[in-house]
Each structure stands twice: as C-alpha cells, then as structure tokens.
Amino acid sequence: MQRFFHYRRNMFLFPIIGGGTDAQKMLNLTFALLDNNNDRYMNADVLWITDFLIPRTDKALMQRFKEYQKTGTKFYGFKIGDGHSDWEQYFDKIYEIRYVPPRRY
C-alpha cells in the first residue's frame, strides 16, 4: 500500500513516503517528489527516518543522489537501531539513535 500524505504548514511541504525495504520504490518516490512534474526543487532538504537496513539498488538510481546534491539538495538520515549501513556515502549526514529491543524470556 502506497502512502503519500501532504501537510502544508507555513509554506513547508511534509510528505510521508513508505517504501518498506524496497530501495528502488523509496528512491523513485523521493525523486518524483523532488522533480515536482519537471519543475525540479533546488536546495531541498530530504530526511529519511529508517533503520537503514535497506539493500542498495541499481547504480543509475544511486547516481541520482549526486545529481540532486549538485543542485543543493541535502540528504539527511535519522537511523533507528544499530548496525552497519552502506548508505553513508550518499547522505550528507546520518544521525543515529541506538535502539535495543527488549528481551522476552
């Protein structure tokens, strides 16, 4: 199920994009929002809130990160959980909160 929610407050746009663990879907939705029907956003700030346990997708989509960054778009991450991620090289900054699930006996 695709969720796409717009909330306008003081001229800011807050979308919620749910891609699960499908990087291709999540990237396509992010880039579609940034493209805004070919009226491309510049100097945008993108925030992903995830555990970053997402496999990377094809090189063409990953290269689009760099294209958007050249227009001033910043990609930030808020990583929930522990563990290594291969996404750091594509984000301007990833903030991390370590989460340890409670043990059940």
N, C-alpha and C. Protein backbone atom coordinates (compact mmCIF):
# COMPACT_ATOMS: atom_id res chain seq x y z
N MET A 1 0.83 -1.17 0.00
CA MET A 1 0.00 0.00 0.00
C MET A 1 0.89 1.24 0.00
N GLN A 2 0.66 2.12 -0.93
CA GLN A 2 1.45 3.34 -1.03
C GLN A 2 0.78 4.44 -0.21
N ARG A 3 1.56 5.05 0.68
CA ARG A 3 1.06 6.18 1.45
C ARG A 3 1.76 7.42 0.94
N PHE A 4 0.98 8.44 0.70
CA PHE A 4 1.56 9.70 0.29
C PHE A 4 0.70 10.78 0.90
N PHE A 5 1.24 11.52 1.82
CA PHE A 5 0.49 12.49 2.60
C PHE A 5 1.18 13.84 2.51
N HIS A 6 0.43 14.86 2.18
CA HIS A 6 0.98 16.21 2.15
C HIS A 6 0.37 17.01 3.28
N TYR A 7 1.19 17.70 4.00
CA TYR A 7 0.73 18.56 5.08
C TYR A 7 1.39 19.91 4.89
N ARG A 8 0.59 20.94 4.65
CA ARG A 8 1.14 22.28 4.45
C ARG A 8 1.00 23.07 5.74
N ARG A 9 2.10 23.64 6.14
CA ARG A 9 2.12 24.48 7.32
C ARG A 9 3.23 25.51 7.13
N ASN A 10 2.87 26.75 7.11
CA ASN A 10 3.85 27.83 6.92
C ASN A 10 4.68 27.63 5.65
N MET A 11 4.04 27.21 4.57
CA MET A 11 4.68 27.08 3.26
C MET A 11 5.68 25.92 3.17
N PHE A 12 5.67 25.01 4.10
CA PHE A 12 6.55 23.86 4.01
C PHE A 12 5.71 22.65 3.61
N LEU A 13 6.33 21.72 2.92
CA LEU A 13 5.64 20.53 2.45
C LEU A 13 6.23 19.33 3.17
N PHE A 14 5.39 18.57 3.86
CA PHE A 14 5.84 17.41 4.61
C PHE A 14 5.22 16.15 4.01
N PRO A 15 5.93 15.43 3.14
CA PRO A 15 5.40 14.18 2.62
C PRO A 15 5.84 13.00 3.47
N ILE A 16 5.04 11.98 3.46
CA ILE A 16 5.41 10.72 4.10
C ILE A 16 5.44 9.68 3.00
N ILE A 17 6.59 9.09 2.81
CA ILE A 17 6.77 8.09 1.76
C ILE A 17 7.12 6.78 2.41
N GLY A 18 6.33 5.76 2.18
CA GLY A 18 6.61 4.45 2.74
C GLY A 18 7.12 3.52 1.67
N GLY A 19 8.35 3.09 1.79
CA GLY A 19 8.93 2.20 0.79
C GLY A 19 9.28 0.84 1.35
N GLY A 20 9.07 0.66 2.65
CA GLY A 20 9.45 -0.61 3.25
C GLY A 20 10.94 -0.83 3.11
N THR A 21 11.33 -2.01 2.66
CA THR A 21 12.75 -2.28 2.44
C THR A 21 13.07 -2.30 0.95
N ASP A 22 12.21 -1.71 0.15
CA ASP A 22 12.42 -1.64 -1.29
C ASP A 22 13.06 -0.30 -1.62
N ALA A 23 14.37 -0.27 -1.78
CA ALA A 23 15.10 0.97 -2.03
C ALA A 23 14.66 1.61 -3.34
N GLN A 24 14.42 0.80 -4.36
CA GLN A 24 14.04 1.34 -5.65
C GLN A 24 12.72 2.11 -5.55
N LYS A 25 11.75 1.54 -4.87
CA LYS A 25 10.46 2.20 -4.70
C LYS A 25 10.62 3.50 -3.90
N MET A 26 11.37 3.43 -2.82
CA MET A 26 11.56 4.59 -1.97
C MET A 26 12.29 5.72 -2.73
N LEU A 27 13.32 5.37 -3.48
CA LEU A 27 14.06 6.37 -4.24
C LEU A 27 13.20 6.97 -5.35
N ASN A 28 12.46 6.13 -6.05
CA ASN A 28 11.60 6.65 -7.12
C ASN A 28 10.56 7.62 -6.58
N LEU A 29 9.98 7.31 -5.43
CA LEU A 29 9.00 8.22 -4.83
C LEU A 29 9.66 9.52 -4.36
N THR A 30 10.85 9.42 -3.79
CA THR A 30 11.58 10.61 -3.35
C THR A 30 11.92 11.49 -4.53
N PHE A 31 12.46 10.90 -5.59
CA PHE A 31 12.85 11.67 -6.76
C PHE A 31 11.63 12.25 -7.49
N ALA A 32 10.52 11.52 -7.50
CA ALA A 32 9.29 12.05 -8.11
C ALA A 32 8.82 13.29 -7.37
N LEU A 33 8.91 13.26 -6.05
CA LEU A 33 8.54 14.42 -5.25
C LEU A 33 9.47 15.60 -5.54
N LEU A 34 10.78 15.32 -5.62
CA LEU A 34 11.74 16.38 -5.90
C LEU A 34 11.60 16.93 -7.31
N ASP A 35 11.24 16.08 -8.26
CA ASP A 35 11.06 16.53 -9.64
C ASP A 35 9.83 17.42 -9.79
N ASN A 36 8.80 17.16 -9.00
CA ASN A 36 7.60 18.00 -8.98
C ASN A 36 7.09 18.31 -10.38
N ASN A 37 6.83 17.25 -11.15
CA ASN A 37 6.33 17.41 -12.53
C ASN A 37 7.28 18.25 -13.38
N ASN A 38 8.54 17.91 -13.36
CA ASN A 38 9.62 18.56 -14.12
C ASN A 38 9.92 19.99 -13.68
N ASP A 39 9.31 20.45 -12.61
CA ASP A 39 9.64 21.75 -12.03
C ASP A 39 10.49 21.45 -10.80
N ARG A 40 11.72 21.05 -11.03
CA ARG A 40 12.60 20.46 -10.03
C ARG A 40 12.90 21.37 -8.86
N TYR A 41 12.80 20.79 -7.65
CA TYR A 41 13.20 21.51 -6.45
C TYR A 41 14.71 21.68 -6.44
N MET A 42 15.16 22.80 -5.93
CA MET A 42 16.58 23.03 -5.72
C MET A 42 16.76 23.42 -4.26
N ASN A 43 17.90 23.08 -3.68
CA ASN A 43 18.20 23.39 -2.28
C ASN A 43 17.18 22.76 -1.33
N ALA A 44 16.68 21.62 -1.68
CA ALA A 44 15.71 20.92 -0.83
C ALA A 44 16.44 20.17 0.27
N ASP A 45 15.73 19.88 1.34
CA ASP A 45 16.23 19.03 2.42
C ASP A 45 15.36 17.78 2.46
N VAL A 46 16.00 16.63 2.37
CA VAL A 46 15.30 15.34 2.40
C VAL A 46 15.74 14.61 3.66
N LEU A 47 14.78 14.10 4.41
CA LEU A 47 15.07 13.35 5.63
C LEU A 47 14.45 11.97 5.53
N TRP A 48 15.29 10.96 5.69
CA TRP A 48 14.81 9.58 5.77
C TRP A 48 14.89 9.15 7.22
N ILE A 49 13.82 8.59 7.72
CA ILE A 49 13.81 8.00 9.06
C ILE A 49 13.63 6.50 8.86
N THR A 50 14.67 5.76 9.19
CA THR A 50 14.68 4.33 8.89
C THR A 50 15.77 3.64 9.70
N ASP A 51 15.82 2.32 9.62
CA ASP A 51 16.92 1.58 10.25
C ASP A 51 18.10 1.45 9.29
N PHE A 52 17.93 1.87 8.05
CA PHE A 52 18.95 1.81 7.01
C PHE A 52 19.44 0.39 6.73
N LEU A 53 18.63 -0.58 7.08
CA LEU A 53 18.94 -1.97 6.71
C LEU A 53 18.24 -2.26 5.38
N ILE A 54 18.57 -1.44 4.42
CA ILE A 54 17.93 -1.47 3.11
C ILE A 54 19.01 -1.78 2.08
N PRO A 55 18.82 -2.82 1.28
CA PRO A 55 19.81 -3.08 0.23
C PRO A 55 19.82 -1.95 -0.79
N ARG A 56 20.99 -1.59 -1.24
CA ARG A 56 21.08 -0.56 -2.28
C ARG A 56 20.51 -1.11 -3.58
N THR A 57 20.15 -0.19 -4.46
CA THR A 57 19.55 -0.57 -5.73
C THR A 57 20.53 -0.29 -6.87
N ASP A 58 20.05 -0.23 -8.09
CA ASP A 58 20.95 -0.09 -9.24
C ASP A 58 21.71 1.24 -9.22
N LYS A 59 22.83 1.26 -9.94
CA LYS A 59 23.74 2.40 -9.92
C LYS A 59 23.11 3.67 -10.48
N ALA A 60 22.21 3.54 -11.44
CA ALA A 60 21.59 4.73 -12.04
C ALA A 60 20.79 5.50 -11.00
N LEU A 61 20.03 4.80 -10.17
CA LEU A 61 19.28 5.48 -9.12
C LEU A 61 20.20 6.06 -8.06
N MET A 62 21.24 5.33 -7.72
CA MET A 62 22.17 5.82 -6.71
C MET A 62 22.91 7.06 -7.23
N GLN A 63 23.16 7.13 -8.53
CA GLN A 63 23.84 8.29 -9.11
C GLN A 63 22.95 9.53 -9.03
N ARG A 64 21.65 9.34 -9.01
CA ARG A 64 20.74 10.49 -8.92
C ARG A 64 20.91 11.25 -7.61
N PHE A 65 21.35 10.55 -6.55
CA PHE A 65 21.67 11.25 -5.30
C PHE A 65 22.67 12.38 -5.59
N LYS A 66 23.73 12.04 -6.30
CA LYS A 66 24.78 13.02 -6.60
C LYS A 66 24.24 14.15 -7.47
N GLU A 67 23.37 13.82 -8.42
CA GLU A 67 22.79 14.85 -9.29
C GLU A 67 21.97 15.85 -8.47
N TYR A 68 21.19 15.35 -7.55
CA TYR A 68 20.39 16.24 -6.71
C TYR A 68 21.28 17.06 -5.77
N GLN A 69 22.33 16.47 -5.26
CA GLN A 69 23.24 17.19 -4.38
C GLN A 69 23.93 18.33 -5.11
N LYS A 70 24.17 18.17 -6.41
CA LYS A 70 24.78 19.25 -7.20
C LYS A 70 23.85 20.46 -7.30
N THR A 71 22.54 20.24 -7.16
CA THR A 71 21.59 21.36 -7.20
C THR A 71 21.34 21.94 -5.82
N GLY A 72 22.09 21.45 -4.82
CA GLY A 72 21.97 21.99 -3.47
C GLY A 72 21.07 21.18 -2.55
N THR A 73 20.51 20.10 -3.05
CA THR A 73 19.66 19.25 -2.20
C THR A 73 20.53 18.53 -1.18
N LYS A 74 20.07 18.52 0.05
CA LYS A 74 20.77 17.83 1.14
C LYS A 74 19.96 16.61 1.55
N PHE A 75 20.64 15.50 1.72
CA PHE A 75 20.01 14.26 2.16
C PHE A 75 20.48 13.96 3.58
N TYR A 76 19.53 13.87 4.49
CA TYR A 76 19.81 13.57 5.88
C TYR A 76 19.10 12.27 6.26
N GLY A 77 19.69 11.56 7.18
CA GLY A 77 19.07 10.35 7.68
C GLY A 77 18.98 10.37 9.19
N PHE A 78 17.94 9.75 9.68
CA PHE A 78 17.79 9.51 11.11
C PHE A 78 17.68 8.01 11.26
N LYS A 79 18.79 7.41 11.67
CA LYS A 79 18.89 5.95 11.74
C LYS A 79 18.45 5.47 13.11
N ILE A 80 17.48 4.58 13.11
CA ILE A 80 16.99 3.99 14.34
C ILE A 80 17.49 2.55 14.39
N GLY A 81 18.32 2.26 15.38
CA GLY A 81 18.84 0.91 15.51
C GLY A 81 20.36 0.89 15.43
N ASP A 82 20.89 -0.29 15.48
CA ASP A 82 22.32 -0.49 15.49
C ASP A 82 22.71 -1.30 14.27
N GLY A 83 23.92 -1.14 13.84
CA GLY A 83 24.40 -1.94 12.73
C GLY A 83 24.98 -1.08 11.61
N HIS A 84 25.72 -1.73 10.75
CA HIS A 84 26.41 -1.05 9.65
C HIS A 84 25.43 -0.79 8.50
N SER A 85 25.65 0.31 7.82
CA SER A 85 24.84 0.66 6.66
C SER A 85 25.75 1.09 5.52
N ASP A 86 25.39 0.75 4.31
CA ASP A 86 26.15 1.15 3.13
C ASP A 86 25.66 2.48 2.54
N TRP A 87 24.78 3.16 3.21
CA TRP A 87 24.16 4.37 2.68
C TRP A 87 24.91 5.64 3.05
N GLU A 88 25.87 5.59 3.97
CA GLU A 88 26.53 6.80 4.45
C GLU A 88 27.15 7.63 3.33
N GLN A 89 27.69 6.99 2.32
CA GLN A 89 28.37 7.72 1.25
C GLN A 89 27.41 8.56 0.40
N TYR A 90 26.12 8.30 0.51
CA TYR A 90 25.14 9.04 -0.29
C TYR A 90 24.46 10.16 0.49
N PHE A 91 24.56 10.15 1.79
CA PHE A 91 23.88 11.13 2.62
C PHE A 91 24.85 12.18 3.13
N ASP A 92 24.35 13.39 3.27
CA ASP A 92 25.18 14.46 3.81
C ASP A 92 25.46 14.22 5.29
N LYS A 93 24.50 13.70 5.99
CA LYS A 93 24.67 13.39 7.42
C LYS A 93 23.61 12.37 7.81
N ILE A 94 24.02 11.36 8.58
CA ILE A 94 23.08 10.40 9.16
C ILE A 94 23.23 10.47 10.67
N TYR A 95 22.15 10.85 11.32
CA TYR A 95 22.12 10.88 12.78
C TYR A 95 21.63 9.51 13.24
N GLU A 96 22.08 9.10 14.39
CA GLU A 96 21.79 7.74 14.83
C GLU A 96 21.29 7.72 16.27
N ILE A 97 20.28 6.91 16.49
CA ILE A 97 19.84 6.61 17.85
C ILE A 97 19.88 5.09 17.96
N ARG A 98 20.63 4.63 18.92
CA ARG A 98 20.75 3.18 19.09
C ARG A 98 19.53 2.66 19.84
N TYR A 99 18.99 1.62 19.32
CA TYR A 99 17.79 1.02 19.89
C TYR A 99 18.06 -0.46 20.09
N VAL A 100 17.85 -0.92 21.28
CA VAL A 100 17.99 -2.34 21.58
C VAL A 100 16.61 -2.83 21.98
N PRO A 101 16.05 -3.76 21.21
CA PRO A 101 14.72 -4.24 21.57
C PRO A 101 14.73 -4.96 22.90
N PRO A 102 13.66 -4.83 23.68
CA PRO A 102 13.62 -5.52 24.97
C PRO A 102 13.63 -7.04 24.77
N ARG A 103 14.27 -7.70 25.70
CA ARG A 103 14.32 -9.16 25.64
C ARG A 103 13.02 -9.75 26.18
N ARG A 104 12.61 -10.79 25.56
CA ARG A 104 11.43 -11.52 26.05
C ARG A 104 11.88 -12.91 26.44
N TYR A 105 11.58 -13.27 27.65
CA TYR A 105 12.02 -14.57 28.17
C TYR A 105 10.90 -15.57 28.12
